[in-house]
Amino acid sequence: MRRRFAGLALALSVMLPAAAVTGAPPASAQPEVEPAAAQAIPDGPAKAWLLADLDTGQVLASRDPYGVYAPASTIKVLLAMVVLDHLRPENFARANASHTEVECSCVGLTPGQAYTTRQLLEGLLMVSGNDAANMLADMLGGRPATVAAMNRKAALVGTRSTKAGSPSGLDGPGWESATTPHDLAVIMRAALKYPLIAHIMRQPSAQFPGKTLTNQNELLTRYPGDLAGKTGYTNLARKTYVGAAQRGNRRLVVVQMYGTGDLYGQAIGLLDWGFSQYR
């Protein structure tokens, strides 16, 4: 389904820079930010979404940008920043059985095997390894310390409503996570300033002890100019996605939350629409 809008929006909304946020208005005060444009903007299966300029933070279009939703594994982008703030890529540790006792997606850690920070980040960002998230949390001092550091980092980069409840984004009693499309875009903008994170998220594959990892972000092959992407899914969050792409000297970030069906198709439509606005 598509909606049509008349005219051209000169400026819609601007993401506030890091350390400049004074807090979000109440949800009831948040109107939908919808662009006025000569061509149709794609609609799709995500209940909430946002499209913005990756470099300036200007929001080009959004639906429910300040609605609070569970992030699922997209919160791992926040964890990756915390990891690189405290650990060197060549640091290493040995996995144990507690790291592998986790549901959902795993990179497949072997207890007793040594892994470097970089290898674990590749498992975290490319295949959404919850076991990698557990091990990185232990390397950072344990889950409570890691979650606290993630929440401090979220505030530092300028999020308004983000709360990390677990390193992986898995939900459970007492450790639910929450964020908004606006905040996920802020997090991705900050994360891509880390050269290693940007490099890992662009890799189609990576060597890992005993296997080759293949990046789960389908837009790397489906969308020319794709720079990065992180998917997520839990029963509470439904499908989530945050990604970035470039055409010429323009870079966009797209966020989708509480989705069903083909989020990639909607992301492609939104990115195409966004790049068309610069013409």
C-alpha atoms as a PDB file:
ATOM      1  CA  MET A   1       0.000   0.000   0.000  1.00  0.00           C
ATOM      2  CA  ARG A   2       1.297   3.472  -0.820  1.00  0.00           C
ATOM      3  CA  ARG A   3       0.396   6.926   0.361  1.00  0.00           C
ATOM      4  CA  ARG A   4       0.896  10.056  -1.712  1.00  0.00           C
ATOM      5  CA  PHE A   5       1.912  13.466  -0.455  1.00  0.00           C
ATOM      6  CA  ALA A   6       2.011  16.848  -2.208  1.00  0.00           C
ATOM      7  CA  GLY A   7       4.831  19.394  -2.245  1.00  0.00           C
ATOM      8  CA  LEU A   8       8.384  19.092  -1.005  1.00  0.00           C
ATOM      9  CA  ALA A   9       9.541  19.167   2.620  1.00  0.00           C
ATOM     10  CA  LEU A  10      12.547  21.386   3.210  1.00  0.00           C
ATOM     11  CA  ALA A  11      13.251  20.104   6.705  1.00  0.00           C
ATOM     12  CA  LEU A  12      11.317  17.658   8.827  1.00  0.00           C
ATOM     13  CA  SER A  13      13.235  16.715  11.922  1.00  0.00           C
ATOM     14  CA  VAL A  14      16.860  16.619  12.972  1.00  0.00           C
ATOM     15  CA  MET A  15      18.474  14.005  15.155  1.00  0.00           C
ATOM     16  CA  LEU A  16      20.166  15.736  18.012  1.00  0.00           C
ATOM     17  CA  PRO A  17      23.933  15.279  18.209  1.00  0.00           C
ATOM     18  CA  ALA A  18      25.618  13.346  20.981  1.00  0.00           C
ATOM     19  CA  ALA A  19      25.459  14.936  24.433  1.00  0.00           C
ATOM     20  CA  ALA A  20      22.843  17.471  23.264  1.00  0.00           C
ATOM     21  CA  VAL A  21      19.701  15.608  24.249  1.00  0.00           C
ATOM     22  CA  THR A  22      17.530  17.017  27.014  1.00  0.00           C
ATOM     23  CA  GLY A  23      14.924  14.240  26.901  1.00  0.00           C
ATOM     24  CA  ALA A  24      12.030  13.181  24.702  1.00  0.00           C
ATOM     25  CA  PRO A  25       8.569  14.723  24.840  1.00  0.00           C
ATOM     26  CA  PRO A  26       5.854  12.368  26.050  1.00  0.00           C
ATOM     27  CA  ALA A  27       4.643   9.862  23.495  1.00  0.00           C
ATOM     28  CA  SER A  28       1.259  11.546  23.324  1.00  0.00           C
ATOM     29  CA  ALA A  29       2.985  14.700  22.040  1.00  0.00           C
ATOM     30  CA  GLN A  30       4.746  12.918  19.217  1.00  0.00           C
ATOM     31  CA  PRO A  31       3.019  13.332  15.868  1.00  0.00           C
ATOM     32  CA  GLU A  32       3.852  11.106  12.978  1.00  0.00           C
ATOM     33  CA  VAL A  33       6.589  12.724  10.926  1.00  0.00           C
ATOM     34  CA  GLU A  34       5.525  12.183   7.376  1.00  0.00           C
ATOM     35  CA  PRO A  35       7.208  13.765   4.373  1.00  0.00           C
ATOM     36  CA  ALA A  36       5.526  15.879   1.769  1.00  0.00           C
ATOM     37  CA  ALA A  37       6.946  14.680  -1.519  1.00  0.00           C
ATOM     38  CA  ALA A  38       5.972  14.591  -5.150  1.00  0.00           C
ATOM     39  CA  GLN A  39       6.302  10.824  -5.369  1.00  0.00           C
ATOM     40  CA  ALA A  40       4.882   8.040  -3.248  1.00  0.00           C
ATOM     41  CA  ILE A  41       6.752   6.843  -0.203  1.00  0.00           C
ATOM     42  CA  PRO A  42       6.693   3.070   0.253  1.00  0.00           C
ATOM     43  CA  ASP A  43       4.551   1.637   2.988  1.00  0.00           C
ATOM     44  CA  GLY A  44       5.314  -1.766   4.420  1.00  0.00           C
ATOM     45  CA  PRO A  45       5.121  -4.335   7.188  1.00  0.00           C
ATOM     46  CA  ALA A  46       7.015  -2.494   9.957  1.00  0.00           C
ATOM     47  CA  LYS A  47       4.734  -0.792  12.480  1.00  0.00           C
ATOM     48  CA  ALA A  48       7.338   1.908  13.125  1.00  0.00           C
ATOM     49  CA  TRP A  49      10.182   3.089  10.904  1.00  0.00           C
ATOM     50  CA  LEU A  50      12.527   5.970  10.228  1.00  0.00           C
ATOM     51  CA  LEU A  51      14.680   7.126   7.315  1.00  0.00           C
ATOM     52  CA  ALA A  52      17.386   9.740   7.879  1.00  0.00           C
ATOM     53  CA  ASP A  53      20.550  11.212   6.454  1.00  0.00           C
ATOM     54  CA  LEU A  54      23.377   9.261   8.071  1.00  0.00           C
ATOM     55  CA  ASP A  55      25.753  12.228   8.139  1.00  0.00           C
ATOM     56  CA  THR A  56      23.539  15.158   9.124  1.00  0.00           C
ATOM     57  CA  GLY A  57      20.869  13.304  11.085  1.00  0.00           C
ATOM     58  CA  GLN A  58      18.033  15.003   9.180  1.00  0.00           C
ATOM     59  CA  VAL A  59      14.961  12.789   9.249  1.00  0.00           C
ATOM     60  CA  LEU A  60      13.498  12.415   5.775  1.00  0.00           C
ATOM     61  CA  ALA A  61      10.468  10.359   6.747  1.00  0.00           C
ATOM     62  CA  SER A  62       9.212   8.290   9.651  1.00  0.00           C
ATOM     63  CA  ARG A  63       6.268   6.624  11.289  1.00  0.00           C
ATOM     64  CA  ASP A  64       6.028   6.591  15.084  1.00  0.00           C
ATOM     65  CA  PRO A  65       9.726   7.546  15.444  1.00  0.00           C
ATOM     66  CA  TYR A  66       9.509   7.893  19.237  1.00  0.00           C
ATOM     67  CA  GLY A  67       7.360   4.824  19.838  1.00  0.00           C
ATOM     68  CA  VAL A  68       9.034   2.470  22.309  1.00  0.00           C
ATOM     69  CA  TYR A  69       9.554  -1.111  21.139  1.00  0.00           C
ATOM     70  CA  ALA A  70      11.716  -4.103  21.991  1.00  0.00           C
ATOM     71  CA  PRO A  71      14.893  -3.981  19.842  1.00  0.00           C
ATOM     72  CA  ALA A  72      15.826  -7.679  19.784  1.00  0.00           C
ATOM     73  CA  SER A  73      19.335  -8.159  18.369  1.00  0.00           C
ATOM     74  CA  THR A  74      19.644  -4.657  16.924  1.00  0.00           C
ATOM     75  CA  ILE A  75      20.793  -3.679  20.442  1.00  0.00           C
ATOM     76  CA  LYS A  76      23.982  -5.637  19.720  1.00  0.00           C
ATOM     77  CA  VAL A  77      25.212  -2.592  17.772  1.00  0.00           C
ATOM     78  CA  LEU A  78      25.253  -0.733  21.096  1.00  0.00           C
ATOM     79  CA  LEU A  79      27.126  -3.611  22.747  1.00  0.00           C
ATOM     80  CA  ALA A  80      29.760  -3.523  19.985  1.00  0.00           C
ATOM     81  CA  MET A  81      30.574   0.108  20.799  1.00  0.00           C
ATOM     82  CA  VAL A  82      30.924  -0.664  24.500  1.00  0.00           C
ATOM     83  CA  VAL A  83      33.229  -3.578  23.686  1.00  0.00           C
ATOM     84  CA  LEU A  84      35.577  -1.414  21.620  1.00  0.00           C
ATOM     85  CA  ASP A  85      35.540   1.313  24.279  1.00  0.00           C
ATOM     86  CA  HIS A  86      37.040  -1.170  26.756  1.00  0.00           C
ATOM     87  CA  LEU A  87      38.728  -4.035  24.890  1.00  0.00           C
ATOM     88  CA  ARG A  88      41.339  -4.233  22.150  1.00  0.00           C
ATOM     89  CA  PRO A  89      40.474  -6.279  19.058  1.00  0.00           C
ATOM     90  CA  GLU A  90      43.378  -8.648  19.788  1.00  0.00           C
ATOM     91  CA  ASN A  91      42.377  -9.312  23.415  1.00  0.00           C
ATOM     92  CA  PHE A  92      41.274 -12.911  23.899  1.00  0.00           C
ATOM     93  CA  ALA A  93      39.596 -15.243  26.381  1.00  0.00           C
ATOM     94  CA  ARG A  94      38.440 -18.855  26.483  1.00  0.00           C
ATOM     95  CA  ALA A  95      34.810 -19.795  26.112  1.00  0.00           C
ATOM     96  CA  ASN A  96      33.065 -21.812  28.780  1.00  0.00           C
ATOM     97  CA  ALA A  97      29.813 -23.721  28.964  1.00  0.00           C
ATOM     98  CA  SER A  98      27.879 -20.772  30.415  1.00  0.00           C
ATOM     99  CA  HIS A  99      28.466 -18.783  27.235  1.00  0.00           C
ATOM    100  CA  THR A 100      26.804 -21.455  25.112  1.00  0.00           C
ATOM    101  CA  GLU A 101      23.761 -21.950  27.337  1.00  0.00           C
ATOM    102  CA  VAL A 102      21.583 -19.518  25.441  1.00  0.00           C
ATOM    103  CA  GLU A 103      18.559 -19.749  23.168  1.00  0.00           C
ATOM    104  CA  CYS A 104      18.119 -18.553  19.599  1.00  0.00           C
ATOM    105  CA  SER A 105      20.928 -17.666  17.212  1.00  0.00           C
ATOM    106  CA  CYS A 106      24.467 -18.632  18.162  1.00  0.00           C
ATOM    107  CA  VAL A 107      27.806 -18.432  16.417  1.00  0.00           C
ATOM    108  CA  GLY A 108      28.732 -21.827  17.890  1.00  0.00           C
ATOM    109  CA  LEU A 109      31.372 -21.228  20.549  1.00  0.00           C
ATOM    110  CA  THR A 110      33.329 -24.247  21.770  1.00  0.00           C
ATOM    111  CA  PRO A 111      34.064 -24.364  25.520  1.00  0.00           C
ATOM    112  CA  GLY A 112      37.806 -24.207  26.074  1.00  0.00           C
ATOM    113  CA  GLN A 113      38.499 -22.552  22.706  1.00  0.00           C
ATOM    114  CA  ALA A 114      40.199 -19.143  22.764  1.00  0.00           C
ATOM    115  CA  TYR A 115      38.524 -16.311  20.824  1.00  0.00           C
ATOM    116  CA  THR A 116      39.690 -12.769  20.180  1.00  0.00           C
ATOM    117  CA  THR A 117      37.533  -9.705  20.692  1.00  0.00           C
ATOM    118  CA  ARG A 118      37.441  -9.175  16.947  1.00  0.00           C
ATOM    119  CA  GLN A 119      36.289 -12.740  16.256  1.00  0.00           C
ATOM    120  CA  LEU A 120      33.530 -12.377  18.825  1.00  0.00           C
ATOM    121  CA  LEU A 121      32.458  -9.047  17.324  1.00  0.00           C
ATOM    122  CA  GLU A 122      32.230 -10.719  13.924  1.00  0.00           C
ATOM    123  CA  GLY A 123      30.070 -13.438  15.426  1.00  0.00           C
ATOM    124  CA  LEU A 124      27.993 -10.797  17.199  1.00  0.00           C
ATOM    125  CA  LEU A 125      27.364  -8.475  14.246  1.00  0.00           C
ATOM    126  CA  MET A 126      27.425 -10.831  11.263  1.00  0.00           C
ATOM    127  CA  VAL A 127      25.436 -13.819  12.575  1.00  0.00           C
ATOM    128  CA  SER A 128      23.883 -12.294  15.709  1.00  0.00           C
ATOM    129  CA  GLY A 129      25.569 -14.736  18.056  1.00  0.00           C
ATOM    130  CA  ASN A 130      23.930 -14.617  21.479  1.00  0.00           C
ATOM    131  CA  ASP A 131      26.728 -16.837  22.789  1.00  0.00           C
ATOM    132  CA  ALA A 132      29.235 -14.247  21.513  1.00  0.00           C
ATOM    133  CA  ALA A 133      27.278 -11.550  23.373  1.00  0.00           C
ATOM    134  CA  ASN A 134      27.455 -13.602  26.573  1.00  0.00           C
ATOM    135  CA  MET A 135      31.203 -14.113  26.263  1.00  0.00           C
ATOM    136  CA  LEU A 136      31.877 -10.456  25.478  1.00  0.00           C
ATOM    137  CA  ALA A 137      29.812  -9.503  28.524  1.00  0.00           C
ATOM    138  CA  ASP A 138      32.002 -11.740  30.682  1.00  0.00           C
ATOM    139  CA  MET A 139      35.106 -10.114  29.212  1.00  0.00           C
ATOM    140  CA  LEU A 140      33.633  -6.742  30.201  1.00  0.00           C
ATOM    141  CA  GLY A 141      33.042  -7.812  33.809  1.00  0.00           C
ATOM    142  CA  GLY A 142      29.754  -9.712  33.674  1.00  0.00           C
ATOM    143  CA  ARG A 143      26.209  -9.113  32.465  1.00  0.00           C
ATOM    144  CA  PRO A 144      25.126  -6.463  35.044  1.00  0.00           C
ATOM    145  CA  ALA A 145      28.275  -4.396  34.464  1.00  0.00           C
ATOM    146  CA  THR A 146      27.902  -4.723  30.691  1.00  0.00           C
ATOM    147  CA  VAL A 147      24.236  -3.716  30.671  1.00  0.00           C
ATOM    148  CA  ALA A 148      25.060  -0.699  32.844  1.00  0.00           C
ATOM    149  CA  ALA A 149      27.837   0.291  30.436  1.00  0.00           C
ATOM    150  CA  MET A 150      25.472  -0.108  27.470  1.00  0.00           C
ATOM    151  CA  ASN A 151      22.942   2.200  29.086  1.00  0.00           C
ATOM    152  CA  ARG A 152      25.605   4.793  29.842  1.00  0.00           C
ATOM    153  CA  LYS A 153      26.777   4.608  26.240  1.00  0.00           C
ATOM    154  CA  ALA A 154      23.233   4.954  24.944  1.00  0.00           C
ATOM    155  CA  ALA A 155      22.812   8.182  26.909  1.00  0.00           C
ATOM    156  CA  LEU A 156      26.226   9.445  25.835  1.00  0.00           C
ATOM    157  CA  VAL A 157      25.553   9.082  22.097  1.00  0.00           C
ATOM    158  CA  GLY A 158      22.250  10.923  22.417  1.00  0.00           C
ATOM    159  CA  THR A 159      19.428   8.402  22.700  1.00  0.00           C
ATOM    160  CA  ARG A 160      16.231   9.428  24.415  1.00  0.00           C
ATOM    161  CA  SER A 161      14.383   6.273  25.393  1.00  0.00           C
ATOM    162  CA  THR A 162      16.816   3.364  25.116  1.00  0.00           C
ATOM    163  CA  LYS A 163      17.179   0.797  27.881  1.00  0.00           C
ATOM    164  CA  ALA A 164      19.371  -2.249  27.454  1.00  0.00           C
ATOM    165  CA  GLY A 165      18.233  -5.169  29.591  1.00  0.00           C
ATOM    166  CA  SER A 166      20.616  -7.823  28.270  1.00  0.00           C
ATOM    167  CA  PRO A 167      23.793  -7.814  26.176  1.00  0.00           C
ATOM    168  CA  SER A 168      22.148  -9.810  23.389  1.00  0.00           C
ATOM    169  CA  GLY A 169      18.704  -8.231  23.159  1.00  0.00           C
ATOM    170  CA  LEU A 170      16.978 -11.388  24.362  1.00  0.00           C
ATOM    171  CA  ASP A 171      14.001 -10.607  26.570  1.00  0.00           C
ATOM    172  CA  GLY A 172      13.274 -12.139  29.942  1.00  0.00           C
ATOM    173  CA  PRO A 173      11.704 -11.277  33.299  1.00  0.00           C
ATOM    174  CA  GLY A 174      13.569  -8.297  34.732  1.00  0.00           C
ATOM    175  CA  TRP A 175      15.870  -7.777  31.735  1.00  0.00           C
ATOM    176  CA  GLU A 176      13.675  -6.475  28.955  1.00  0.00           C
ATOM    177  CA  SER A 177      15.219  -4.040  26.492  1.00  0.00           C
ATOM    178  CA  ALA A 178      13.520  -1.073  24.820  1.00  0.00           C
ATOM    179  CA  THR A 179      14.334   1.579  22.237  1.00  0.00           C
ATOM    180  CA  THR A 180      12.758   3.676  19.469  1.00  0.00           C
ATOM    181  CA  PRO A 181      13.351   4.052  15.729  1.00  0.00           C
ATOM    182  CA  HIS A 182      14.900   7.471  16.455  1.00  0.00           C
ATOM    183  CA  ASP A 183      17.284   6.001  19.014  1.00  0.00           C
ATOM    184  CA  LEU A 184      18.323   3.062  16.836  1.00  0.00           C
ATOM    185  CA  ALA A 185      19.263   5.502  14.083  1.00  0.00           C
ATOM    186  CA  VAL A 186      21.312   7.516  16.581  1.00  0.00           C
ATOM    187  CA  ILE A 187      23.040   4.321  17.740  1.00  0.00           C
ATOM    188  CA  MET A 188      23.857   3.238  14.190  1.00  0.00           C
ATOM    189  CA  ARG A 189      25.202   6.679  13.308  1.00  0.00           C
ATOM    190  CA  ALA A 190      27.510   6.527  16.316  1.00  0.00           C
ATOM    191  CA  ALA A 191      28.555   2.912  15.713  1.00  0.00           C
ATOM    192  CA  LEU A 192      29.610   3.474  12.113  1.00  0.00           C
ATOM    193  CA  LYS A 193      32.160   6.019  13.340  1.00  0.00           C
ATOM    194  CA  TYR A 194      34.071   3.030  14.761  1.00  0.00           C
ATOM    195  CA  PRO A 195      36.192   1.831  11.808  1.00  0.00           C
ATOM    196  CA  LEU A 196      36.194  -1.803  12.941  1.00  0.00           C
ATOM    197  CA  ILE A 197      32.420  -1.927  13.374  1.00  0.00           C
ATOM    198  CA  ALA A 198      31.922  -0.366   9.937  1.00  0.00           C
ATOM    199  CA  HIS A 199      34.382  -2.853   8.429  1.00  0.00           C
ATOM    200  CA  ILE A 200      32.813  -5.909  10.054  1.00  0.00           C
ATOM    201  CA  MET A 201      29.301  -4.924   9.023  1.00  0.00           C
ATOM    202  CA  ARG A 202      30.431  -4.596   5.389  1.00  0.00           C
ATOM    203  CA  GLN A 203      32.114  -8.007   5.324  1.00  0.00           C
ATOM    204  CA  PRO A 204      30.212 -10.643   3.336  1.00  0.00           C
ATOM    205  CA  SER A 205      32.091 -13.371   5.207  1.00  0.00           C
ATOM    206  CA  ALA A 206      34.781 -13.880   7.841  1.00  0.00           C
ATOM    207  CA  GLN A 207      36.953 -16.730   9.069  1.00  0.00           C
ATOM    208  CA  PHE A 208      36.075 -17.985  12.533  1.00  0.00           C
ATOM    209  CA  PRO A 209      37.681 -20.874  14.460  1.00  0.00           C
ATOM    210  CA  GLY A 210      36.391 -24.019  12.773  1.00  0.00           C
ATOM    211  CA  LYS A 211      34.046 -22.309  10.299  1.00  0.00           C
ATOM    212  CA  THR A 212      33.332 -19.463   7.913  1.00  0.00           C
ATOM    213  CA  LEU A 213      30.762 -16.880   8.947  1.00  0.00           C
ATOM    214  CA  THR A 214      28.364 -15.497   6.344  1.00  0.00           C
ATOM    215  CA  ASN A 215      26.847 -12.094   6.994  1.00  0.00           C
ATOM    216  CA  GLN A 216      23.090 -12.381   7.620  1.00  0.00           C
ATOM    217  CA  ASN A 217      22.357  -8.893   6.284  1.00  0.00           C
ATOM    218  CA  GLU A 218      20.746  -9.708   2.935  1.00  0.00           C
ATOM    219  CA  LEU A 219      20.983  -6.129   1.689  1.00  0.00           C
ATOM    220  CA  LEU A 220      24.729  -6.589   1.241  1.00  0.00           C
ATOM    221  CA  THR A 221      23.874  -8.582  -1.870  1.00  0.00           C
ATOM    222  CA  ARG A 222      20.405  -7.215  -2.633  1.00  0.00           C
ATOM    223  CA  TYR A 223      21.094  -3.478  -2.486  1.00  0.00           C
ATOM    224  CA  PRO A 224      24.028  -1.793  -4.295  1.00  0.00           C
ATOM    225  CA  GLY A 225      25.790   0.593  -1.945  1.00  0.00           C
ATOM    226  CA  ASP A 226      24.716  -1.158   1.250  1.00  0.00           C
ATOM    227  CA  LEU A 227      27.090  -0.218   4.082  1.00  0.00           C
ATOM    228  CA  ALA A 228      25.798  -2.038   7.128  1.00  0.00           C
ATOM    229  CA  GLY A 229      22.808  -3.786   8.613  1.00  0.00           C
ATOM    230  CA  LYS A 230      21.679  -5.601  11.730  1.00  0.00           C
ATOM    231  CA  THR A 231      18.587  -7.743  11.991  1.00  0.00           C
ATOM    232  CA  GLY A 232      16.724  -8.885  15.067  1.00  0.00           C
ATOM    233  CA  TYR A 233      13.787 -11.031  16.084  1.00  0.00           C
ATOM    234  CA  THR A 234      12.074 -12.087  19.287  1.00  0.00           C
ATOM    235  CA  ASN A 235       8.435 -12.887  19.960  1.00  0.00           C
ATOM    236  CA  LEU A 236       8.140  -9.578  21.808  1.00  0.00           C
ATOM    237  CA  ALA A 237      10.019  -7.440  19.278  1.00  0.00           C
ATOM    238  CA  ARG A 238       8.855  -9.166  16.094  1.00  0.00           C
ATOM    239  CA  LYS A 239      11.227  -8.378  13.220  1.00  0.00           C
ATOM    240  CA  THR A 240      13.574  -5.419  13.592  1.00  0.00           C
ATOM    241  CA  TYR A 241      16.242  -3.948  11.329  1.00  0.00           C
ATOM    242  CA  VAL A 242      18.701  -1.069  11.250  1.00  0.00           C
ATOM    243  CA  GLY A 243      20.918  -0.458   8.228  1.00  0.00           C
ATOM    244  CA  ALA A 244      22.760   2.106   6.129  1.00  0.00           C
ATOM    245  CA  ALA A 245      23.516   2.589   2.449  1.00  0.00           C
ATOM    246  CA  GLN A 246      25.323   5.043   0.175  1.00  0.00           C
ATOM    247  CA  ARG A 247      24.822   6.483  -3.304  1.00  0.00           C
ATOM    248  CA  GLY A 248      27.367   9.014  -4.515  1.00  0.00           C
ATOM    249  CA  ASN A 249      28.147  11.241  -1.558  1.00  0.00           C
ATOM    250  CA  ARG A 250      24.802  10.646   0.155  1.00  0.00           C
ATOM    251  CA  ARG A 251      24.406   8.151   2.997  1.00  0.00           C
ATOM    252  CA  LEU A 252      21.122   7.115   4.596  1.00  0.00           C
ATOM    253  CA  VAL A 253      20.161   5.138   7.683  1.00  0.00           C
ATOM    254  CA  VAL A 254      16.929   3.149   7.849  1.00  0.00           C
ATOM    255  CA  VAL A 255      15.249   1.643  10.922  1.00  0.00           C
ATOM    256  CA  GLN A 256      12.270  -0.721  11.089  1.00  0.00           C
ATOM    257  CA  MET A 257      10.609  -2.002  14.255  1.00  0.00           C
ATOM    258  CA  TYR A 258       7.808  -4.415  15.143  1.00  0.00           C
ATOM    259  CA  GLY A 259       7.669  -5.822  11.644  1.00  0.00           C
ATOM    260  CA  THR A 260       6.411  -8.882   9.836  1.00  0.00           C
ATOM    261  CA  GLY A 261       7.019 -10.194   6.362  1.00  0.00           C
ATOM    262  CA  ASP A 262       9.760  -8.863   4.092  1.00  0.00           C
ATOM    263  CA  LEU A 263      11.433  -6.011   5.962  1.00  0.00           C
ATOM    264  CA  TYR A 264      14.218  -6.008   3.398  1.00  0.00           C
ATOM    265  CA  GLY A 265      11.756  -5.157   0.646  1.00  0.00           C
ATOM    266  CA  GLN A 266      10.437  -2.226   2.634  1.00  0.00           C
ATOM    267  CA  ALA A 267      13.978  -1.091   3.468  1.00  0.00           C
ATOM    268  CA  ILE A 268      14.893  -1.115  -0.222  1.00  0.00           C
ATOM    269  CA  GLY A 269      11.828   0.953  -1.084  1.00  0.00           C
ATOM    270  CA  LEU A 270      12.550   3.488   1.652  1.00  0.00           C
ATOM    271  CA  LEU A 271      16.197   3.827   0.669  1.00  0.00           C
ATOM    272  CA  ASP A 272      15.302   4.267  -2.998  1.00  0.00           C
ATOM    273  CA  TRP A 273      12.753   6.907  -2.058  1.00  0.00           C
ATOM    274  CA  GLY A 274      15.238   8.670   0.205  1.00  0.00           C
ATOM    275  CA  PHE A 275      17.988   8.843  -2.393  1.00  0.00           C
ATOM    276  CA  SER A 276      15.486  10.129  -4.966  1.00  0.00           C
ATOM    277  CA  GLN A 277      14.820  13.187  -2.798  1.00  0.00           C
ATOM    278  CA  TYR A 278      18.358  14.452  -3.350  1.00  0.00           C
ATOM    279  CA  ARG A 279      17.862  14.725  -7.094  1.00  0.00           C
END
